[in-house]
Amino acid sequence: MKRAILFWCYKNLPICIDRLRHLRSFNPDTKIFALFGGEPVEAAEWERGLARYIDDFYCFEGTPPPGYENTEGYRGGVFWKYVHGDWMFASWYRDRGIHLDWDTFIVIQWDMLVFGPVDQVFACLEPDQCLFSGLRPVREVEQKWAWVAPSATNARATYLDFLDHVKQRYGFDGDPLCCLAIVVCLSRAYMEEFARIERPELGGLEYRLPIYAQAFGIPLCQDHPFKPWWAAVEPNHPGITLRARPVEIWIPTILANLRRRDGARVFHPYWRPVPRSWLAWTWAAIDSVPRVIATTLTRAVVGNRQLQVRVRKA
């Protein structure tokens, strides 16, 4: 099976160059395809900057779906491209990916760290399988997850419309799955079907991707080490290595995992250059201490306020 990397980027060119240099050091012979989701006017500069490390560059120039035309920036990008990021995968496949040499692509986001060759890190992937981190039945998070919760009226209505559509179009009546789209691996068999869906704007990425896999009959890889934090239903803990929220993974956590044979090898998010020497690792660890302390104190203050509110209500 030919595993390729789809490097999804849109901001911070110097960090993206650093990240690709890191990826290429572990994967000298693996195809790396860049998917640029930033401003098209910047595409030429990005292509020049990344050219040394990639096998292909594609700039997504799609327009937003109805209702998202005037959305503001979000974490340095465009909000609708987060909600409908899978549009970019489908556009890339139709325009470019269909002609390239790969069987399965691994989406590696610009702020993700991967230590090791992807053929080893993702050895769990079998031919034609897709992988979605945090995969679970929607019913397990349905009451609290903002994309489907009954209390989120508009999002709930969209979710139910989506379920109705896949039932009518594909006859799907299974137990709907959802995920946290941090680690995503998509097979060519999946993309051949997904690139042709009739209502790409309907639904949200983190249930749309796995439910379409169910509807298409695509096998799913579920025996894997990529376990993200489901903030909607799980307590926070210091050993988290995959976050969907914008809270950086700490260097001590990364180091602790890399020192273990069975430790994590994929981390998200991390917004700094990759340390490449023991001195750099030491400095990065020291530099993280003030942020660890600040985050810990913030959580303590917030937790105390929440406790006081509960006590007053009681």
Protein backbone atom coordinates (compact mmCIF):
# COMPACT_ATOMS: atom_id res chain seq x y z
CA MET A 1 0.00 0.00 0.00
CA LYS A 2 1.31 3.43 -0.94
CA ARG A 3 0.82 5.83 1.94
CA ALA A 4 1.21 9.52 1.09
CA ILE A 5 1.12 12.70 3.18
CA LEU A 6 -1.37 15.47 2.47
CA PHE A 7 0.18 18.46 4.23
CA TRP A 8 -2.70 20.86 5.00
CA CYS A 9 -1.47 24.41 5.58
CA TYR A 10 -2.73 27.98 5.46
CA LYS A 11 -0.65 30.14 7.84
CA ASN A 12 2.84 30.67 9.29
CA LEU A 13 5.07 29.82 6.32
CA PRO A 14 8.33 29.56 8.37
CA ILE A 15 6.80 26.96 10.70
CA CYS A 16 5.35 25.05 7.75
CA ILE A 17 8.79 24.92 6.12
CA ASP A 18 10.26 23.69 9.41
CA ARG A 19 7.51 21.08 9.77
CA LEU A 20 8.04 19.78 6.24
CA ARG A 21 11.78 19.59 6.79
CA HIS A 22 11.04 17.45 9.85
CA LEU A 23 8.58 15.24 7.93
CA ARG A 24 10.97 14.77 5.03
CA SER A 25 13.81 13.74 7.37
CA PHE A 26 11.73 10.72 8.42
CA ASN A 27 10.10 10.13 5.03
CA PRO A 28 12.69 10.64 2.27
CA ASP A 29 10.79 8.50 -0.25
CA THR A 30 7.17 9.17 0.75
CA LYS A 31 5.09 11.41 -1.49
CA ILE A 32 4.20 14.69 0.21
CA PHE A 33 1.41 16.72 -1.38
CA ALA A 34 0.82 20.25 -0.09
CA LEU A 35 -2.78 21.46 0.19
CA PHE A 36 -2.74 25.24 0.67
CA GLY A 37 -5.92 26.72 2.14
CA GLY A 38 -4.73 30.30 2.63
CA GLU A 39 -5.27 33.33 0.42
CA PRO A 40 -4.79 32.40 -3.26
CA VAL A 41 -2.77 35.59 -3.86
CA GLU A 42 -0.12 34.14 -1.53
CA ALA A 43 0.03 30.76 -3.25
CA ALA A 44 3.10 31.48 -5.41
CA GLU A 45 5.13 32.54 -2.36
CA TRP A 46 4.08 29.41 -0.46
CA GLU A 47 4.83 27.12 -3.37
CA ARG A 48 8.35 28.57 -3.63
CA GLY A 49 8.88 28.24 0.11
CA LEU A 50 7.72 24.62 0.34
CA ALA A 51 9.06 23.39 -3.02
CA ARG A 52 12.21 21.77 -1.62
CA TYR A 53 10.26 19.34 0.54
CA ILE A 54 7.12 18.47 -1.44
CA ASP A 55 6.17 16.50 -4.53
CA ASP A 56 3.16 18.62 -5.47
CA PHE A 57 1.47 21.89 -4.50
CA TYR A 58 -2.25 22.63 -4.77
CA CYS A 59 -4.03 25.87 -3.86
CA PHE A 60 -7.68 25.56 -2.87
CA GLU A 61 -9.70 28.37 -4.44
CA GLY A 62 -13.24 27.26 -3.64
CA THR A 63 -15.99 29.65 -2.62
CA PRO A 64 -17.92 29.37 0.65
CA PRO A 65 -21.33 27.69 0.84
CA PRO A 66 -24.48 29.81 1.36
CA GLY A 67 -24.51 31.42 4.78
CA TYR A 68 -20.70 31.48 5.16
CA GLU A 69 -19.88 34.28 2.72
CA ASN A 70 -19.07 36.88 5.38
CA THR A 71 -17.54 34.78 8.14
CA GLU A 72 -14.55 36.32 9.87
CA GLY A 73 -11.07 34.95 10.42
CA TYR A 74 -10.73 32.06 12.85
CA ARG A 75 -7.42 31.04 14.46
CA GLY A 76 -5.57 32.78 11.67
CA GLY A 77 -7.62 31.18 8.90
CA VAL A 78 -11.14 31.33 7.47
CA PHE A 79 -13.95 29.90 9.57
CA TRP A 80 -15.88 28.15 6.82
CA LYS A 81 -12.74 26.28 5.76
CA TYR A 82 -12.60 24.76 9.24
CA VAL A 83 -16.24 23.70 9.23
CA HIS A 84 -15.98 22.38 5.66
CA GLY A 85 -12.32 21.43 5.49
CA ASP A 86 -13.24 18.20 3.75
CA TRP A 87 -14.29 20.33 0.75
CA MET A 88 -10.59 20.98 0.27
CA PHE A 89 -9.81 17.25 0.27
CA ALA A 90 -12.51 16.64 -2.35
CA SER A 91 -11.37 19.58 -4.48
CA TRP A 92 -7.75 18.44 -4.26
CA TYR A 93 -8.75 14.92 -5.27
CA ARG A 94 -10.82 16.01 -8.28
CA ASP A 95 -8.27 18.54 -9.56
CA ARG A 96 -4.99 16.92 -8.63
CA GLY A 97 -5.03 13.87 -6.40
CA ILE A 98 -6.80 11.61 -8.87
CA HIS A 99 -3.75 11.87 -11.13
CA LEU A 100 -1.12 11.29 -8.42
CA ASP A 101 0.43 8.04 -7.16
CA TRP A 102 -1.00 7.02 -3.78
CA ASP A 103 -3.43 4.55 -2.20
CA THR A 104 -4.12 6.28 1.13
CA PHE A 105 -3.23 9.80 2.22
CA ILE A 106 -2.56 10.86 5.79
CA VAL A 107 -3.67 14.40 6.55
CA ILE A 108 -0.90 16.14 8.48
CA GLN A 109 -1.87 19.60 9.59
CA TRP A 110 0.67 22.42 9.73
CA ASP A 111 0.64 22.42 13.55
CA MET A 112 1.00 18.67 13.98
CA LEU A 113 4.21 16.88 14.98
CA VAL A 114 4.86 13.36 13.68
CA PHE A 115 7.97 11.49 14.84
CA GLY A 116 8.85 8.56 12.62
CA PRO A 117 8.20 7.29 9.10
CA VAL A 118 4.49 7.32 8.29
CA ASP A 119 4.75 3.71 7.10
CA GLN A 120 5.64 2.80 10.69
CA VAL A 121 3.53 5.33 12.61
CA PHE A 122 0.47 4.39 10.54
CA ALA A 123 1.31 0.72 10.06
CA CYS A 124 -2.12 -0.11 11.50
CA LEU A 125 -3.77 1.05 8.25
CA GLU A 126 -4.91 -1.73 5.95
CA PRO A 127 -5.68 -1.28 2.23
CA ASP A 128 -8.83 0.80 1.53
CA GLN A 129 -9.30 1.65 5.22
CA CYS A 130 -10.01 5.13 6.56
CA LEU A 131 -8.93 6.29 10.00
CA PHE A 132 -10.58 8.99 12.12
CA SER A 133 -9.18 9.81 15.55
CA GLY A 134 -11.70 9.79 18.38
CA LEU A 135 -14.18 7.69 16.43
CA ARG A 136 -17.28 6.90 18.47
CA PRO A 137 -21.07 6.69 18.13
CA VAL A 138 -22.76 10.09 18.08
CA ARG A 139 -25.16 8.89 20.78
CA GLU A 140 -22.28 8.85 23.30
CA VAL A 141 -21.72 12.61 22.98
CA GLU A 142 -25.10 13.69 21.64
CA GLN A 143 -26.24 15.66 24.67
CA LYS A 144 -23.08 17.74 25.06
CA TRP A 145 -21.28 17.96 21.70
CA ALA A 146 -22.04 21.36 20.14
CA TRP A 147 -22.38 20.04 16.57
CA VAL A 148 -25.33 17.77 17.39
CA ALA A 149 -26.66 18.66 20.86
CA PRO A 150 -30.42 19.31 21.14
CA SER A 151 -29.62 22.60 22.92
CA ALA A 152 -27.76 23.83 19.80
CA THR A 153 -30.92 24.33 17.76
CA ASN A 154 -29.45 25.21 14.35
CA ALA A 155 -26.61 22.67 14.50
CA ARG A 156 -29.06 19.97 15.61
CA ALA A 157 -31.40 20.72 12.72
CA THR A 158 -28.48 20.51 10.28
CA TYR A 159 -27.39 17.18 11.71
CA LEU A 160 -30.88 15.71 11.40
CA ASP A 161 -31.17 17.01 7.82
CA PHE A 162 -27.84 15.35 7.05
CA LEU A 163 -28.97 12.02 8.48
CA ASP A 164 -32.13 12.20 6.44
CA HIS A 165 -30.12 12.92 3.29
CA VAL A 166 -27.73 9.96 3.67
CA LYS A 167 -30.68 7.70 4.47
CA GLN A 168 -32.57 8.79 1.37
CA ARG A 169 -29.53 8.84 -0.92
CA TYR A 170 -27.58 5.80 0.31
CA GLY A 171 -30.07 3.85 2.40
CA PHE A 172 -27.94 4.43 5.50
CA ASP A 173 -29.71 3.52 8.74
CA GLY A 174 -26.76 2.46 10.90
CA ASP A 175 -25.49 3.81 14.23
CA PRO A 176 -24.02 7.21 13.20
CA LEU A 177 -20.36 7.75 14.04
CA CYS A 178 -18.45 10.95 14.73
CA CYS A 179 -14.81 11.83 15.35
CA LEU A 180 -12.37 14.55 16.30
CA ALA A 181 -10.70 15.26 12.97
CA ILE A 182 -7.13 15.61 14.18
CA VAL A 183 -5.68 12.41 12.72
CA VAL A 184 -7.44 11.63 9.45
CA CYS A 185 -6.42 9.04 6.83
CA LEU A 186 -8.49 8.67 3.66
CA SER A 187 -8.26 5.93 1.05
CA ARG A 188 -8.61 6.34 -2.68
CA ALA A 189 -11.71 4.16 -2.57
CA TYR A 190 -13.27 6.62 -0.11
CA MET A 191 -12.26 9.70 -2.08
CA GLU A 192 -13.68 8.31 -5.33
CA GLU A 193 -17.11 8.29 -3.67
CA PHE A 194 -16.72 11.36 -1.47
CA ALA A 195 -15.65 13.61 -4.36
CA ARG A 196 -19.06 12.94 -5.96
CA ILE A 197 -21.41 13.61 -3.03
CA GLU A 198 -24.42 15.68 -4.01
CA ARG A 199 -24.72 18.02 -1.01
CA PRO A 200 -21.19 18.73 0.26
CA GLU A 201 -22.38 21.73 2.27
CA LEU A 202 -24.74 19.69 4.44
CA GLY A 203 -23.54 18.66 7.87
CA GLY A 204 -20.32 19.10 9.81
CA LEU A 205 -16.90 17.65 9.01
CA GLU A 206 -16.48 15.61 12.18
CA TYR A 207 -19.57 13.50 11.61
CA ARG A 208 -19.83 13.91 7.85
CA LEU A 209 -16.51 12.15 7.14
CA PRO A 210 -17.17 8.97 9.16
CA ILE A 211 -20.89 8.70 8.34
CA TYR A 212 -20.14 8.86 4.62
CA ALA A 213 -17.57 6.10 5.17
CA GLN A 214 -20.34 4.04 6.76
CA ALA A 215 -22.71 4.87 3.91
CA PHE A 216 -20.10 3.96 1.26
CA GLY A 217 -19.23 0.70 3.00
CA ILE A 218 -15.58 1.75 3.50
CA PRO A 219 -13.70 -0.25 6.18
CA LEU A 220 -12.56 1.76 9.20
CA CYS A 221 -9.31 1.33 11.11
CA GLN A 222 -10.23 1.38 14.80
CA ASP A 223 -7.27 -0.42 16.37
CA HIS A 224 -4.80 2.45 16.50
CA PRO A 225 -3.00 4.61 19.10
CA PHE A 226 -4.47 8.02 18.15
CA LYS A 227 -6.66 8.89 21.13
CA PRO A 228 -7.66 12.57 21.29
CA TRP A 229 -9.25 14.39 24.19
CA TRP A 230 -13.04 14.62 23.83
CA ALA A 231 -13.42 17.87 25.77
CA ALA A 232 -17.22 17.78 25.56
CA VAL A 233 -17.50 14.62 27.64
CA GLU A 234 -14.10 13.88 29.20
CA PRO A 235 -12.08 15.55 31.98
CA ASN A 236 -8.80 17.21 31.10
CA HIS A 237 -5.58 15.46 32.11
CA PRO A 238 -1.87 16.35 31.75
CA GLY A 239 -0.96 13.43 29.48
CA ILE A 240 -3.06 14.56 26.50
CA THR A 241 -1.21 14.36 23.17
CA LEU A 242 -4.02 15.25 20.73
CA ARG A 243 -6.23 18.27 21.32
CA ALA A 244 -8.90 19.69 19.05
CA ARG A 245 -8.78 22.91 21.07
CA PRO A 246 -6.10 25.62 20.67
CA VAL A 247 -4.04 24.59 23.71
CA GLU A 248 -0.48 23.63 22.83
CA ILE A 249 0.92 20.22 23.76
CA TRP A 250 3.72 20.70 26.28
CA ILE A 251 7.30 19.69 25.55
CA PRO A 252 7.57 17.54 28.72
CA THR A 253 4.59 15.52 27.47
CA ILE A 254 6.20 15.07 24.05
CA LEU A 255 9.55 14.05 25.57
CA ALA A 256 7.95 11.60 27.99
CA ASN A 257 6.20 9.86 25.10
CA LEU A 258 9.23 9.77 22.81
CA ARG A 259 11.30 8.10 25.53
CA ARG A 260 8.79 5.23 25.71
CA ARG A 261 8.71 2.51 23.06
CA ASP A 262 4.90 2.47 23.28
CA GLY A 263 4.54 6.26 23.61
CA ALA A 264 2.68 8.55 21.26
CA ARG A 265 4.41 9.69 18.07
CA VAL A 266 1.80 12.19 16.87
CA PHE A 267 1.12 15.46 18.73
CA HIS A 268 -1.32 18.30 18.06
CA PRO A 269 -1.19 21.25 18.30
CA TYR A 270 2.41 22.45 18.49
CA TRP A 271 3.19 25.90 17.06
CA ARG A 272 6.98 26.15 17.40
CA PRO A 273 9.99 24.88 15.46
CA VAL A 274 10.89 21.24 16.02
CA PRO A 275 13.80 20.89 18.49
CA ARG A 276 16.69 19.17 16.73
CA SER A 277 19.31 18.79 19.46
CA TRP A 278 19.40 18.03 23.17
CA LEU A 279 20.19 21.69 23.80
CA ALA A 280 17.14 22.73 21.78
CA TRP A 281 14.95 20.19 23.59
CA THR A 282 16.24 21.42 26.95
CA TRP A 283 15.57 25.05 26.07
CA ALA A 284 12.11 24.19 24.75
CA ALA A 285 11.30 22.38 27.99
CA ILE A 286 12.51 25.35 30.09
CA ASP A 287 10.58 27.74 27.87
CA SER A 288 7.39 25.73 28.41
CA VAL A 289 7.50 26.06 32.23
CA PRO A 290 5.95 29.57 32.44
CA ARG A 291 3.17 28.48 30.05
CA VAL A 292 2.52 25.33 32.10
CA ILE A 293 2.31 27.39 35.30
CA ALA A 294 0.05 30.01 33.70
CA THR A 295 -2.28 27.37 32.27
CA THR A 296 -2.42 25.48 35.57
CA LEU A 297 -3.26 28.65 37.52
CA THR A 298 -5.90 29.63 34.98
CA ARG A 299 -7.57 26.24 35.24
CA ALA A 300 -7.45 26.43 39.04
CA VAL A 301 -9.12 29.86 39.03
CA VAL A 302 -11.78 28.78 36.54
CA GLY A 303 -12.41 25.56 38.45
CA ASN A 304 -12.76 27.48 41.71
CA ARG A 305 -15.27 29.88 40.15
CA GLN A 306 -17.30 27.00 38.76
CA LEU A 307 -17.30 25.34 42.18
CA GLN A 308 -18.50 28.57 43.82
CA VAL A 309 -21.31 28.84 41.29
CA ARG A 310 -22.41 25.26 41.99
CA VAL A 311 -22.29 25.89 45.75
CA ARG A 312 -24.41 29.06 45.43
CA LYS A 313 -26.96 27.21 43.27
CA ALA A 314 -27.11 24.40 45.82
